[in-house]
Amino acid sequence: MSQINYEEIIAQLKSDLNAECAIANKYGIILGTKIKELSKGKVIPQKILSLISNSKEIANELNLDKINSFAIEAQENNYLFSFSEKLILISKLDLSVNLAKFMPSIS
């Protein structure tokens, strides 16, 4: 079984999207990163991980089929969390970036 090079994937995302990104597993452990606040091996904050873990229940409460991502607007950046069953992609974006570029479903 071959090992996935997450750092290479992150470097490609940085090149293609001009965004700092990180990839975490479903448990929130950072597997690769270009985001200085999220070092490799660190765990995503528990409250954010809980929100991701409960996305199916939240979708049901809102009468939605599925939630694939959510964004947090902070003082200087937006943080976009996109997730599947096995991986979480975190993108750190400038506030001026059009989120529709990263979330095609809202364009």
C-alpha atoms as a PDB file:
ATOM      1  CA  MET A   1       0.000   0.000   0.000  1.00  0.00           C
ATOM      2  CA  SER A   2       1.531   3.332  -1.047  1.00  0.00           C
ATOM      3  CA  GLN A   3       1.877   6.298   1.275  1.00  0.00           C
ATOM      4  CA  ILE A   4       0.072   9.525   0.305  1.00  0.00           C
ATOM      5  CA  ASN A   5       2.312  12.592   0.208  1.00  0.00           C
ATOM      6  CA  TYR A   6       0.008  15.215   1.743  1.00  0.00           C
ATOM      7  CA  GLU A   7       2.727  17.893   1.689  1.00  0.00           C
ATOM      8  CA  GLU A   8       2.938  17.511  -2.101  1.00  0.00           C
ATOM      9  CA  ILE A   9      -0.847  17.823  -2.418  1.00  0.00           C
ATOM     10  CA  ILE A  10      -0.816  20.922  -0.199  1.00  0.00           C
ATOM     11  CA  ALA A  11       1.973  22.480  -2.295  1.00  0.00           C
ATOM     12  CA  GLN A  12      -0.075  21.853  -5.457  1.00  0.00           C
ATOM     13  CA  LEU A  13      -3.169  23.444  -3.864  1.00  0.00           C
ATOM     14  CA  LYS A  14      -1.069  26.468  -2.871  1.00  0.00           C
ATOM     15  CA  SER A  15       0.118  26.765  -6.470  1.00  0.00           C
ATOM     16  CA  ASP A  16      -3.297  26.217  -8.095  1.00  0.00           C
ATOM     17  CA  LEU A  17      -5.497  28.165  -5.670  1.00  0.00           C
ATOM     18  CA  ASN A  18      -3.024  30.653  -4.201  1.00  0.00           C
ATOM     19  CA  ALA A  19      -4.275  29.729  -0.736  1.00  0.00           C
ATOM     20  CA  GLU A  20      -2.718  28.328   2.390  1.00  0.00           C
ATOM     21  CA  CYS A  21      -4.250  24.893   2.994  1.00  0.00           C
ATOM     22  CA  ALA A  22      -4.097  21.978   5.393  1.00  0.00           C
ATOM     23  CA  ILE A  23      -5.408  18.421   5.170  1.00  0.00           C
ATOM     24  CA  ALA A  24      -6.585  16.530   8.240  1.00  0.00           C
ATOM     25  CA  ASN A  25      -7.982  13.053   8.724  1.00  0.00           C
ATOM     26  CA  LYS A  26     -11.516  12.461  10.038  1.00  0.00           C
ATOM     27  CA  TYR A  27     -10.170  12.559  13.603  1.00  0.00           C
ATOM     28  CA  GLY A  28      -8.854  16.092  13.046  1.00  0.00           C
ATOM     29  CA  ILE A  29      -5.139  15.240  12.991  1.00  0.00           C
ATOM     30  CA  ILE A  30      -3.269  17.482  10.536  1.00  0.00           C
ATOM     31  CA  LEU A  31      -1.590  15.315   7.865  1.00  0.00           C
ATOM     32  CA  GLY A  32      -0.063  18.118   5.800  1.00  0.00           C
ATOM     33  CA  THR A  33      -0.177  21.902   6.011  1.00  0.00           C
ATOM     34  CA  LYS A  34       0.922  25.287   4.708  1.00  0.00           C
ATOM     35  CA  ILE A  35      -1.054  27.082   7.463  1.00  0.00           C
ATOM     36  CA  LYS A  36       1.365  28.200  10.176  1.00  0.00           C
ATOM     37  CA  GLU A  37      -1.290  28.013  12.920  1.00  0.00           C
ATOM     38  CA  LEU A  38      -1.937  24.340  12.134  1.00  0.00           C
ATOM     39  CA  SER A  39       1.264  22.327  12.329  1.00  0.00           C
ATOM     40  CA  LYS A  40       1.508  18.727  11.132  1.00  0.00           C
ATOM     41  CA  GLY A  41       0.366  16.304  13.826  1.00  0.00           C
ATOM     42  CA  LYS A  42      -1.649  18.978  15.643  1.00  0.00           C
ATOM     43  CA  VAL A  43      -5.388  18.416  16.145  1.00  0.00           C
ATOM     44  CA  ILE A  44      -8.114  20.726  14.837  1.00  0.00           C
ATOM     45  CA  PRO A  45      -9.865  22.494  17.754  1.00  0.00           C
ATOM     46  CA  GLN A  46     -12.468  20.181  19.310  1.00  0.00           C
ATOM     47  CA  LYS A  47     -15.437  22.548  18.805  1.00  0.00           C
ATOM     48  CA  ILE A  48     -14.749  22.752  15.066  1.00  0.00           C
ATOM     49  CA  LEU A  49     -14.260  18.991  14.843  1.00  0.00           C
ATOM     50  CA  SER A  50     -17.549  18.522  16.693  1.00  0.00           C
ATOM     51  CA  LEU A  51     -19.338  20.751  14.175  1.00  0.00           C
ATOM     52  CA  ILE A  52     -17.914  18.670  11.320  1.00  0.00           C
ATOM     53  CA  SER A  53     -18.807  15.406  13.086  1.00  0.00           C
ATOM     54  CA  ASN A  54     -22.376  16.606  13.632  1.00  0.00           C
ATOM     55  CA  SER A  55     -22.871  17.929  10.103  1.00  0.00           C
ATOM     56  CA  LYS A  56     -25.379  15.179   9.217  1.00  0.00           C
ATOM     57  CA  GLU A  57     -27.557  16.028  12.215  1.00  0.00           C
ATOM     58  CA  ILE A  58     -27.265  19.760  11.470  1.00  0.00           C
ATOM     59  CA  ALA A  59     -28.267  19.114   7.842  1.00  0.00           C
ATOM     60  CA  ASN A  60     -31.311  17.147   9.036  1.00  0.00           C
ATOM     61  CA  GLU A  61     -32.346  19.983  11.371  1.00  0.00           C
ATOM     62  CA  LEU A  62     -32.105  22.436   8.474  1.00  0.00           C
ATOM     63  CA  ASN A  63     -33.934  20.064   6.079  1.00  0.00           C
ATOM     64  CA  LEU A  64     -30.827  19.709   3.918  1.00  0.00           C
ATOM     65  CA  ASP A  65     -29.505  16.571   2.270  1.00  0.00           C
ATOM     66  CA  LYS A  66     -25.892  17.210   3.196  1.00  0.00           C
ATOM     67  CA  ILE A  67     -23.402  19.805   4.418  1.00  0.00           C
ATOM     68  CA  ASN A  68     -20.046  19.658   2.620  1.00  0.00           C
ATOM     69  CA  SER A  69     -18.319  22.737   3.998  1.00  0.00           C
ATOM     70  CA  PHE A  70     -18.571  25.793   6.189  1.00  0.00           C
ATOM     71  CA  ALA A  71     -16.657  29.044   6.512  1.00  0.00           C
ATOM     72  CA  ILE A  72     -15.523  31.031   9.523  1.00  0.00           C
ATOM     73  CA  GLU A  73     -14.826  34.725   9.077  1.00  0.00           C
ATOM     74  CA  ALA A  74     -12.091  35.872  11.443  1.00  0.00           C
ATOM     75  CA  GLN A  75     -10.517  39.269  11.961  1.00  0.00           C
ATOM     76  CA  GLU A  76      -7.980  38.975   9.137  1.00  0.00           C
ATOM     77  CA  ASN A  77      -8.907  35.803   7.203  1.00  0.00           C
ATOM     78  CA  ASN A  78     -11.658  33.415   6.238  1.00  0.00           C
ATOM     79  CA  TYR A  79     -11.179  29.767   7.149  1.00  0.00           C
ATOM     80  CA  LEU A  80     -13.011  27.346   4.884  1.00  0.00           C
ATOM     81  CA  PHE A  81     -13.531  23.777   6.108  1.00  0.00           C
ATOM     82  CA  SER A  82     -14.505  21.288   3.372  1.00  0.00           C
ATOM     83  CA  PHE A  83     -14.943  17.688   4.379  1.00  0.00           C
ATOM     84  CA  SER A  84     -15.722  14.165   3.262  1.00  0.00           C
ATOM     85  CA  GLU A  85     -16.039  11.007   5.339  1.00  0.00           C
ATOM     86  CA  LYS A  86     -12.264  10.528   5.568  1.00  0.00           C
ATOM     87  CA  LEU A  87     -10.579  13.916   5.058  1.00  0.00           C
ATOM     88  CA  ILE A  88     -10.937  17.573   5.998  1.00  0.00           C
ATOM     89  CA  LEU A  89      -9.499  20.350   3.819  1.00  0.00           C
ATOM     90  CA  ILE A  90      -8.872  23.642   5.602  1.00  0.00           C
ATOM     91  CA  SER A  91      -8.224  26.718   3.465  1.00  0.00           C
ATOM     92  CA  LYS A  92      -6.995  30.006   4.935  1.00  0.00           C
ATOM     93  CA  LEU A  93      -8.180  32.785   2.653  1.00  0.00           C
ATOM     94  CA  ASP A  94      -7.856  36.547   2.557  1.00  0.00           C
ATOM     95  CA  LEU A  95     -11.113  38.347   3.395  1.00  0.00           C
ATOM     96  CA  SER A  96     -11.230  39.759  -0.151  1.00  0.00           C
ATOM     97  CA  VAL A  97     -11.272  36.289  -1.765  1.00  0.00           C
ATOM     98  CA  ASN A  98     -14.542  35.281  -3.396  1.00  0.00           C
ATOM     99  CA  LEU A  99     -15.617  32.170  -1.474  1.00  0.00           C
ATOM    100  CA  ALA A 100     -17.576  30.964  -4.523  1.00  0.00           C
ATOM    101  CA  LYS A 101     -14.186  30.129  -6.084  1.00  0.00           C
ATOM    102  CA  PHE A 102     -13.657  27.585  -3.312  1.00  0.00           C
ATOM    103  CA  MET A 103     -17.292  26.574  -2.817  1.00  0.00           C
ATOM    104  CA  PRO A 104     -18.715  26.043  -6.341  1.00  0.00           C
ATOM    105  CA  SER A 105     -22.132  25.175  -4.930  1.00  0.00           C
ATOM    106  CA  ILE A 106     -22.679  28.832  -3.906  1.00  0.00           C
ATOM    107  CA  SER A 107     -21.737  30.329  -7.264  1.00  0.00           C
END
